Amino acid sequence: MSIRLKYARQTFRLILAFLLTKTFCRHLFNKEIWLIGEKKTEARDNAYHFFKYVRENHPEINAYFVITRDSSDLSKVERYGNIIYHNTIKHYVYFLSAKNNINSQLPHSMFPVWSSLIRRIPFLLNKKQNSVFLKHGIIYTKMSPRDLDYKESGLAIISCSAEREKNFIWKTYGYPENNIQLLGLCRFDNLHNIDSNIKRQILVMPTYRSWLVASDRTKRASTMEMQRFANSRFCQTYLCFLNNEILHQLLELYNYKMVFYPHYSFQSYIDLFKEMVINSRITIADRFHYDVQELLISSAIMITDYSSVFFDFAYMKKPEIFFQFDEEEFQEKHYLKKGYFSYKNDGFGSVVRNIDKLLKELERVMLNDAKIEDKYLKRVEEFFTVHDTNNCKRTFNAISNLK
């Protein structure tokens, strides 16, 4: 389906849903619906953890979770009921009539056509609706003003985990200070008392490169896209690392296993890594069979680059290494721009630029029995303003207090 046809269908359904909400479905406005969602195919981020909390602790709330029918995570939310399938007329009707639209992605990600549509047809907007941004991770770099500016998004709540993060968003994007609240990421509630679950496992989890993403991230890349990716510096570097004989020796010597989990936007190329990396101690993990949070909890060491997932790992006070072999290219081509956070001065692990140094640093961490160093532990404790199991509870109370 072409992008133009896809957007045309979205526009038609939104307008039809608007007519329904104003006629046959007006009663939904009185139900005070909380519509909750994240990536349309997933239930594993902050929105899922919040939905689970609300259904278990506040069944009186009319909370609904949006997800696709073919999602591999569907069974996780089915046990809590109140599922709305993505891209159905019911989804559109509930989206327009909900009191609170709560998402770990930005509002326009649910319907890419939404932002441009309400500029042309502003009466579609439910002016009494609150948009709550649970966020996908901690914001530490500058995002596009189109995505986050208060004048554009009008978010009622942005959930933050650190004072520095809160101040950065407030000063950069023009929000009233009360709209930016130190609530903690909902998924962080699950990152406590995890010692018994930790294995001798290294998680390798780099972020994606925007210039290498396949046209459809939800499917296997085309032959042409696969070839382009295979020739890229990113792919060649990680294949060299994962197939490195010294790495294999280290895994044997210190009795570790390794899991390589490409970013969601690079899962289109997962088959390439599965074909090119053959070692009994290395697993190439796809998003259909592996849950990111479970991998984070069970791993003793993490290797990443610029992915905000490093905050989750640091939150658990476990050692991590930043493998930034392409920093200049990444900063030039990727959408992220420098914010308040410096990997060198604020990061929770060492920064390395090539495979040889990465292997040496990895062995050093192994020799230290996978314990986070004191200087990095101090940075973790100074960064996180909230560090407890009440993130979902604080978030619920904050949303409940919205007018």
Protein backbone atom coordinates (compact mmCIF):
# COMPACT_ATOMS: atom_id res chain seq x y z
CA MET A 1 0.00 0.00 0.00
CA SER A 2 1.41 3.42 -0.96
CA ILE A 3 1.97 6.06 1.74
CA ARG A 4 -0.51 8.37 0.02
CA LEU A 5 -3.26 5.72 0.03
CA LYS A 6 -2.49 4.80 3.62
CA TYR A 7 -2.85 8.42 4.74
CA ALA A 8 -6.01 8.85 2.68
CA ARG A 9 -7.60 5.88 4.45
CA GLN A 10 -6.52 7.25 7.84
CA THR A 11 -8.06 10.61 7.01
CA PHE A 12 -11.33 9.00 5.91
CA ARG A 13 -11.54 6.86 9.05
CA LEU A 14 -10.78 9.80 11.35
CA ILE A 15 -13.51 11.90 9.75
CA LEU A 16 -15.98 8.99 9.89
CA ALA A 17 -15.04 8.39 13.53
CA PHE A 18 -15.57 12.08 14.27
CA LEU A 19 -19.10 11.91 12.85
CA LEU A 20 -19.81 8.81 14.94
CA THR A 21 -18.51 10.42 18.16
CA LYS A 22 -20.80 13.39 17.59
CA THR A 23 -23.89 11.26 16.89
CA PHE A 24 -24.23 7.61 17.92
CA CYS A 25 -21.24 7.51 20.31
CA ARG A 26 -21.67 10.71 22.32
CA HIS A 27 -22.05 8.61 25.48
CA LEU A 28 -18.33 7.76 25.30
CA PHE A 29 -17.43 11.29 26.38
CA ASN A 30 -19.11 10.58 29.73
CA LYS A 31 -17.12 7.35 30.27
CA GLU A 32 -13.90 9.33 30.88
CA ILE A 33 -11.84 6.87 28.81
CA TRP A 34 -8.10 6.48 29.33
CA LEU A 35 -6.69 5.33 25.99
CA ILE A 36 -3.23 3.82 26.45
CA GLY A 37 -0.71 2.65 23.85
CA GLU A 38 2.84 2.52 22.54
CA LYS A 39 4.28 1.09 19.31
CA LYS A 40 1.23 -0.40 17.64
CA THR A 41 2.72 -3.92 17.55
CA GLU A 42 4.05 -3.98 21.12
CA ALA A 43 3.12 -4.17 24.79
CA ARG A 44 6.47 -3.97 26.59
CA ASP A 45 7.18 -0.32 27.24
CA ASN A 46 6.04 2.28 29.77
CA ALA A 47 2.47 2.30 28.45
CA TYR A 48 2.10 -1.45 28.93
CA HIS A 49 3.44 -1.32 32.49
CA PHE A 50 1.11 1.58 33.26
CA PHE A 51 -1.92 -0.19 31.75
CA LYS A 52 -1.12 -3.30 33.80
CA TYR A 53 -0.92 -1.19 36.96
CA VAL A 54 -4.23 0.57 36.29
CA ARG A 55 -6.11 -2.65 35.49
CA GLU A 56 -4.75 -4.40 38.58
CA ASN A 57 -5.14 -1.53 41.03
CA HIS A 58 -7.88 0.72 39.62
CA PRO A 59 -10.47 -1.37 37.77
CA GLU A 60 -12.92 1.51 38.19
CA ILE A 61 -10.99 3.42 35.50
CA ASN A 62 -12.16 2.86 31.92
CA ALA A 63 -8.65 2.13 30.63
CA TYR A 64 -8.12 0.58 27.18
CA PHE A 65 -4.95 -0.59 25.46
CA VAL A 66 -4.35 -0.20 21.72
CA ILE A 67 -2.47 -2.94 19.86
CA THR A 68 -2.52 -4.74 16.50
CA ARG A 69 -4.34 -8.05 16.13
CA ASP A 70 -1.18 -9.85 14.98
CA SER A 71 1.11 -8.56 17.74
CA SER A 72 3.36 -11.13 19.40
CA ASP A 73 2.61 -9.31 22.68
CA LEU A 74 -1.17 -9.61 22.39
CA SER A 75 -1.40 -12.41 24.98
CA LYS A 76 0.29 -10.16 27.55
CA VAL A 77 -2.55 -7.64 27.49
CA GLU A 78 -5.42 -10.05 26.83
CA ARG A 79 -5.37 -11.15 30.46
CA TYR A 80 -6.26 -7.59 31.51
CA GLY A 81 -9.09 -7.12 29.02
CA ASN A 82 -10.19 -3.83 27.45
CA ILE A 83 -8.20 -4.26 24.24
CA ILE A 84 -8.82 -2.04 21.22
CA TYR A 85 -7.31 -3.19 17.95
CA HIS A 86 -5.18 -0.66 16.16
CA ASN A 87 -6.49 1.02 13.02
CA THR A 88 -10.10 -0.07 13.51
CA ILE A 89 -13.05 2.33 13.53
CA LYS A 90 -13.44 1.64 17.24
CA HIS A 91 -9.83 2.73 17.75
CA TYR A 92 -10.47 6.00 15.95
CA VAL A 93 -13.71 6.67 17.84
CA TYR A 94 -12.10 6.02 21.22
CA PHE A 95 -9.08 8.10 20.24
CA LEU A 96 -11.31 11.10 19.54
CA SER A 97 -13.56 10.69 22.58
CA ALA A 98 -11.01 9.71 25.25
CA LYS A 99 -10.53 11.96 28.24
CA ASN A 100 -6.84 11.00 28.47
CA ASN A 101 -4.69 9.91 25.54
CA ILE A 102 -1.69 8.21 27.20
CA ASN A 103 1.21 6.98 25.11
CA SER A 104 4.91 6.18 25.33
CA GLN A 105 5.24 7.48 21.75
CA LEU A 106 4.43 10.99 20.62
CA PRO A 107 0.76 11.53 19.66
CA HIS A 108 1.36 11.80 15.91
CA SER A 109 3.09 8.40 15.86
CA MET A 110 -0.28 6.72 16.42
CA PHE A 111 -1.67 8.40 13.30
CA PRO A 112 1.07 9.95 11.14
CA VAL A 113 -1.55 12.03 9.36
CA TRP A 114 -2.93 13.50 12.60
CA SER A 115 -0.72 16.60 13.01
CA SER A 116 -1.28 17.85 9.47
CA LEU A 117 -4.97 16.93 9.56
CA ILE A 118 -5.89 18.99 12.63
CA ARG A 119 -4.15 22.00 11.08
CA ARG A 120 -6.52 21.73 8.13
CA ILE A 121 -9.58 20.53 10.07
CA PRO A 122 -9.06 21.87 13.64
CA PHE A 123 -12.57 20.95 14.81
CA LEU A 124 -11.51 17.27 14.84
CA LEU A 125 -9.49 17.98 17.96
CA ASN A 126 -11.11 17.08 21.27
CA LYS A 127 -10.17 20.22 23.21
CA LYS A 128 -11.05 18.61 26.53
CA GLN A 129 -8.66 15.70 25.96
CA ASN A 130 -5.37 15.48 27.86
CA SER A 131 -2.34 14.12 26.01
CA VAL A 132 0.11 12.38 28.34
CA PHE A 133 3.60 11.47 27.13
CA LEU A 134 5.04 8.58 29.16
CA LYS A 135 8.05 8.60 26.83
CA HIS A 136 10.01 5.73 25.33
CA GLY A 137 13.11 6.63 27.32
CA ILE A 138 14.90 9.46 29.07
CA ILE A 139 15.32 12.54 26.88
CA TYR A 140 18.94 13.70 26.87
CA THR A 141 19.38 15.07 23.34
CA LYS A 142 17.54 17.70 21.35
CA MET A 143 14.54 16.43 19.44
CA SER A 144 12.79 18.15 16.55
CA PRO A 145 10.72 21.12 17.75
CA ARG A 146 7.90 19.77 15.55
CA ASP A 147 7.82 16.69 17.77
CA LEU A 148 8.05 18.18 21.24
CA ASP A 149 7.39 21.95 21.28
CA TYR A 150 4.53 22.84 23.59
CA LYS A 151 2.86 24.97 20.90
CA GLU A 152 2.85 21.95 18.58
CA SER A 153 2.04 19.09 20.96
CA GLY A 154 0.23 20.75 23.86
CA LEU A 155 1.13 17.82 26.10
CA ALA A 156 -0.56 17.96 29.51
CA ILE A 157 2.12 15.80 31.13
CA ILE A 158 5.62 14.75 30.19
CA SER A 159 6.98 12.16 32.60
CA CYS A 160 10.61 12.64 33.68
CA SER A 161 13.03 10.66 35.85
CA ALA A 162 15.76 13.22 36.54
CA GLU A 163 15.93 16.86 37.53
CA ARG A 164 18.38 17.60 34.71
CA GLU A 165 16.00 16.05 32.18
CA LYS A 166 13.06 18.05 33.51
CA ASN A 167 14.95 21.34 33.39
CA PHE A 168 16.23 20.62 29.87
CA ILE A 169 12.72 20.00 28.50
CA TRP A 170 11.31 23.03 30.31
CA LYS A 171 13.97 25.41 28.99
CA THR A 172 14.12 23.95 25.46
CA TYR A 173 10.51 23.32 24.46
CA GLY A 174 8.46 26.03 26.17
CA TYR A 175 6.30 23.99 28.53
CA PRO A 176 4.65 25.33 31.66
CA GLU A 177 6.70 23.92 34.50
CA ASN A 178 3.72 22.01 35.94
CA ASN A 179 3.39 20.00 32.71
CA ILE A 180 6.82 18.43 33.22
CA GLN A 181 6.67 16.13 36.23
CA LEU A 182 9.20 13.95 38.02
CA LEU A 183 7.20 10.72 37.96
CA GLY A 184 9.78 8.16 36.79
CA LEU A 185 9.40 5.85 33.81
CA CYS A 186 6.68 3.27 34.51
CA ARG A 187 8.80 0.35 33.31
CA PHE A 188 11.43 1.21 35.95
CA ASP A 189 9.10 -0.25 38.60
CA ASN A 190 10.13 -3.65 37.28
CA LEU A 191 13.88 -3.02 37.62
CA HIS A 192 14.21 -3.59 41.37
CA ASN A 193 15.24 -6.75 43.28
CA ILE A 194 16.60 -8.36 40.12
CA ASP A 195 19.85 -9.92 41.42
CA SER A 196 18.53 -13.49 41.33
CA ASN A 197 17.63 -13.09 37.63
CA ILE A 198 21.06 -11.97 36.42
CA LYS A 199 22.96 -14.46 34.23
CA ARG A 200 26.53 -14.51 32.93
CA GLN A 201 25.25 -12.75 29.88
CA ILE A 202 26.38 -9.74 27.83
CA LEU A 203 23.72 -7.74 26.02
CA VAL A 204 24.83 -5.94 22.85
CA MET A 205 22.16 -3.42 21.93
CA PRO A 206 23.09 -0.59 19.56
CA THR A 207 20.62 1.95 18.27
CA TYR A 208 19.74 2.35 14.60
CA ARG A 209 21.10 4.73 11.95
CA SER A 210 18.30 6.72 10.31
CA TRP A 211 19.95 6.64 6.88
CA LEU A 212 19.99 2.83 6.82
CA VAL A 213 16.39 2.05 7.84
CA ALA A 214 14.37 -0.14 5.46
CA SER A 215 11.25 1.28 3.82
CA ASP A 216 9.05 -0.96 5.99
CA ARG A 217 10.55 -1.59 9.42
CA THR A 218 7.95 -4.23 10.26
CA LYS A 219 9.03 -6.60 7.46
CA ARG A 220 12.17 -8.26 6.14
CA ALA A 221 14.19 -5.77 4.11
CA SER A 222 14.20 -6.05 0.33
CA THR A 223 17.19 -7.60 -1.45
CA MET A 224 18.45 -4.16 -2.46
CA GLU A 225 18.05 -2.77 1.06
CA MET A 226 19.72 -5.84 2.54
CA GLN A 227 22.72 -5.40 0.25
CA ARG A 228 23.01 -1.71 1.06
CA PHE A 229 22.92 -2.48 4.76
CA ALA A 230 25.44 -5.33 4.42
CA ASN A 231 27.93 -2.90 2.88
CA SER A 232 27.43 -0.25 5.55
CA ARG A 233 30.03 0.62 8.15
CA PHE A 234 27.58 -0.26 10.91
CA CYS A 235 26.95 -3.79 9.66
CA GLN A 236 30.58 -4.50 8.80
CA THR A 237 31.76 -3.30 12.21
CA TYR A 238 29.33 -5.44 14.18
CA LEU A 239 29.96 -8.51 12.05
CA CYS A 240 33.70 -8.07 12.67
CA PHE A 241 33.06 -7.76 16.40
CA LEU A 242 30.62 -10.66 16.71
CA ASN A 243 32.87 -12.94 14.65
CA ASN A 244 36.07 -11.85 16.39
CA GLU A 245 38.13 -14.82 17.59
CA ILE A 246 39.33 -12.93 20.70
CA LEU A 247 35.71 -12.27 21.66
CA HIS A 248 34.92 -15.97 21.32
CA GLN A 249 37.90 -16.82 23.50
CA LEU A 250 36.79 -14.34 26.17
CA LEU A 251 33.30 -15.80 26.23
CA GLU A 252 34.76 -19.27 26.72
CA LEU A 253 37.39 -18.23 29.26
CA TYR A 254 35.01 -16.30 31.51
CA ASN A 255 31.97 -18.48 30.78
CA TYR A 256 29.71 -15.78 29.37
CA LYS A 257 27.05 -15.83 26.69
CA MET A 258 26.21 -12.90 24.46
CA VAL A 259 22.92 -11.63 23.05
CA PHE A 260 22.92 -9.25 20.08
CA TYR A 261 19.61 -7.40 19.85
CA PRO A 262 19.35 -4.97 16.91
CA HIS A 263 17.15 -1.92 17.41
CA TYR A 264 13.47 -2.17 16.42
CA SER A 265 14.21 -0.16 13.27
CA PHE A 266 16.98 -2.59 12.28
CA GLN A 267 15.05 -5.79 12.91
CA SER A 268 14.37 -5.85 9.15
CA TYR A 269 17.98 -7.03 8.77
CA ILE A 270 17.93 -9.69 11.50
CA ASP A 271 18.29 -12.58 9.02
CA LEU A 272 21.59 -11.20 7.78
CA PHE A 273 23.11 -11.39 11.26
CA LYS A 274 21.64 -14.84 11.86
CA GLU A 275 23.28 -16.08 8.67
CA MET A 276 26.66 -14.43 9.24
CA VAL A 277 27.21 -15.02 12.97
CA ILE A 278 27.62 -18.66 13.94
CA ASN A 279 28.79 -19.24 17.50
CA SER A 280 27.12 -21.32 20.18
CA ARG A 281 27.67 -18.60 22.79
CA ILE A 282 26.16 -15.78 20.71
CA THR A 283 22.41 -15.39 20.16
CA ILE A 284 20.94 -13.07 17.55
CA ALA A 285 17.70 -11.95 19.17
CA ASP A 286 14.60 -10.85 17.24
CA ARG A 287 11.79 -8.76 18.68
CA PHE A 288 9.20 -11.50 18.24
CA HIS A 289 10.86 -13.95 20.62
CA TYR A 290 12.78 -11.68 22.99
CA ASP A 291 11.55 -8.95 25.32
CA VAL A 292 13.94 -6.01 25.77
CA GLN A 293 13.27 -5.54 29.46
CA GLU A 294 13.77 -9.23 30.19
CA LEU A 295 17.12 -9.09 28.38
CA LEU A 296 18.12 -5.99 30.34
CA ILE A 297 17.24 -7.62 33.65
CA SER A 298 18.95 -10.93 32.92
CA SER A 299 22.19 -9.47 31.51
CA ALA A 300 25.24 -8.70 33.65
CA ILE A 301 27.01 -6.40 31.19
CA MET A 302 25.73 -4.22 28.36
CA ILE A 303 27.43 -2.85 25.24
CA THR A 304 25.55 -0.06 23.49
CA ASP A 305 26.36 3.15 21.63
CA TYR A 306 23.88 6.06 21.74
CA SER A 307 20.68 4.21 22.64
CA SER A 308 18.77 5.67 25.59
CA VAL A 309 18.34 2.12 26.84
CA PHE A 310 21.65 2.66 28.65
CA PHE A 311 19.65 4.60 31.26
CA ASP A 312 17.62 1.48 32.07
CA PHE A 313 20.77 -0.57 32.56
CA ALA A 314 22.43 2.13 34.65
CA TYR A 315 19.27 2.40 36.76
CA MET A 316 19.93 -1.22 37.82
CA LYS A 317 23.52 -0.21 38.69
CA LYS A 318 25.16 -2.64 36.29
CA PRO A 319 28.28 -1.99 34.14
CA GLU A 320 28.02 -0.83 30.54
CA ILE A 321 30.37 0.09 27.71
CA PHE A 322 29.71 2.67 24.99
CA PHE A 323 31.00 1.51 21.60
CA GLN A 324 30.97 4.71 19.52
CA PHE A 325 33.02 3.86 16.45
CA ASP A 326 31.10 6.27 14.18
CA GLU A 327 30.40 9.26 16.41
CA GLU A 328 31.04 11.97 13.78
CA GLU A 329 28.91 10.27 11.12
CA PHE A 330 26.14 9.57 13.61
CA GLN A 331 26.00 13.15 14.86
CA GLU A 332 25.99 14.46 11.29
CA LYS A 333 23.37 12.16 9.77
CA HIS A 334 21.13 11.02 12.62
CA TYR A 335 18.31 13.15 13.97
CA LEU A 336 19.72 13.38 17.52
CA LYS A 337 21.46 16.61 18.47
CA LYS A 338 23.56 17.20 21.56
CA GLY A 339 21.66 18.11 24.69
CA TYR A 340 22.70 18.33 28.33
CA PHE A 341 24.32 14.88 28.59
CA SER A 342 27.97 14.10 27.78
CA TYR A 343 29.01 10.45 27.45
CA LYS A 344 32.52 11.34 28.57
CA ASN A 345 31.62 13.50 31.58
CA ASP A 346 28.21 12.11 32.57
CA GLY A 347 28.13 8.59 31.11
CA PHE A 348 27.80 5.48 33.26
CA GLY A 349 30.58 3.51 31.56
CA SER A 350 33.70 3.92 29.46
CA VAL A 351 33.59 5.11 25.83
CA VAL A 352 35.61 3.20 23.21
CA ARG A 353 36.09 3.88 19.49
CA ASN A 354 37.32 0.60 17.99
CA ILE A 355 36.96 -3.16 18.40
CA ASP A 356 40.39 -3.72 19.99
CA LYS A 357 39.64 -1.26 22.80
CA LEU A 358 36.15 -2.66 23.18
CA LEU A 359 37.52 -6.16 23.73
CA LYS A 360 40.08 -4.91 26.27
CA GLU A 361 37.43 -2.98 28.18
CA LEU A 362 35.06 -5.94 28.09
CA GLU A 363 37.70 -8.22 29.59
CA ARG A 364 38.45 -5.63 32.27
CA VAL A 365 34.77 -5.58 33.26
CA MET A 366 34.67 -9.39 33.27
CA LEU A 367 37.73 -9.51 35.54
CA ASN A 368 35.96 -7.12 37.90
CA ASP A 369 33.16 -9.69 38.22
CA ALA A 370 30.76 -7.44 36.28
CA LYS A 371 30.57 -4.83 39.04
CA ILE A 372 29.95 -1.20 38.21
CA GLU A 373 32.89 1.04 39.10
CA ASP A 374 32.48 3.52 41.95
CA LYS A 375 32.85 6.62 39.75
CA TYR A 376 30.05 5.43 37.49
CA LEU A 377 27.90 4.34 40.41
CA LYS A 378 28.21 7.86 41.85
CA ARG A 379 27.05 9.33 38.53
CA VAL A 380 24.02 6.99 38.50
CA GLU A 381 23.01 7.93 42.02
CA GLU A 382 23.40 11.63 41.30
CA PHE A 383 21.45 11.50 38.02
CA PHE A 384 18.23 9.68 38.97
CA THR A 385 16.02 11.91 41.08
CA VAL A 386 13.46 9.15 41.67
CA HIS A 387 14.58 5.56 42.27
CA ASP A 388 11.81 3.39 43.70
CA THR A 389 8.89 1.18 42.70
CA ASN A 390 6.23 3.92 42.73
CA ASN A 391 6.59 5.25 39.18
CA CYS A 392 3.23 3.86 37.99
CA LYS A 393 1.54 5.07 41.15
CA ARG A 394 2.89 8.61 40.77
CA THR A 395 1.89 8.61 37.10
CA PHE A 396 -1.65 7.47 37.94
CA ASN A 397 -2.06 10.17 40.58
CA ALA A 398 -0.74 12.86 38.24
CA ILE A 399 -3.18 11.88 35.47
CA SER A 400 -6.06 11.60 37.93
CA ASN A 401 -5.39 15.19 39.04
CA LEU A 402 -5.65 16.57 35.51
CA LYS A 403 -8.70 18.76 34.87
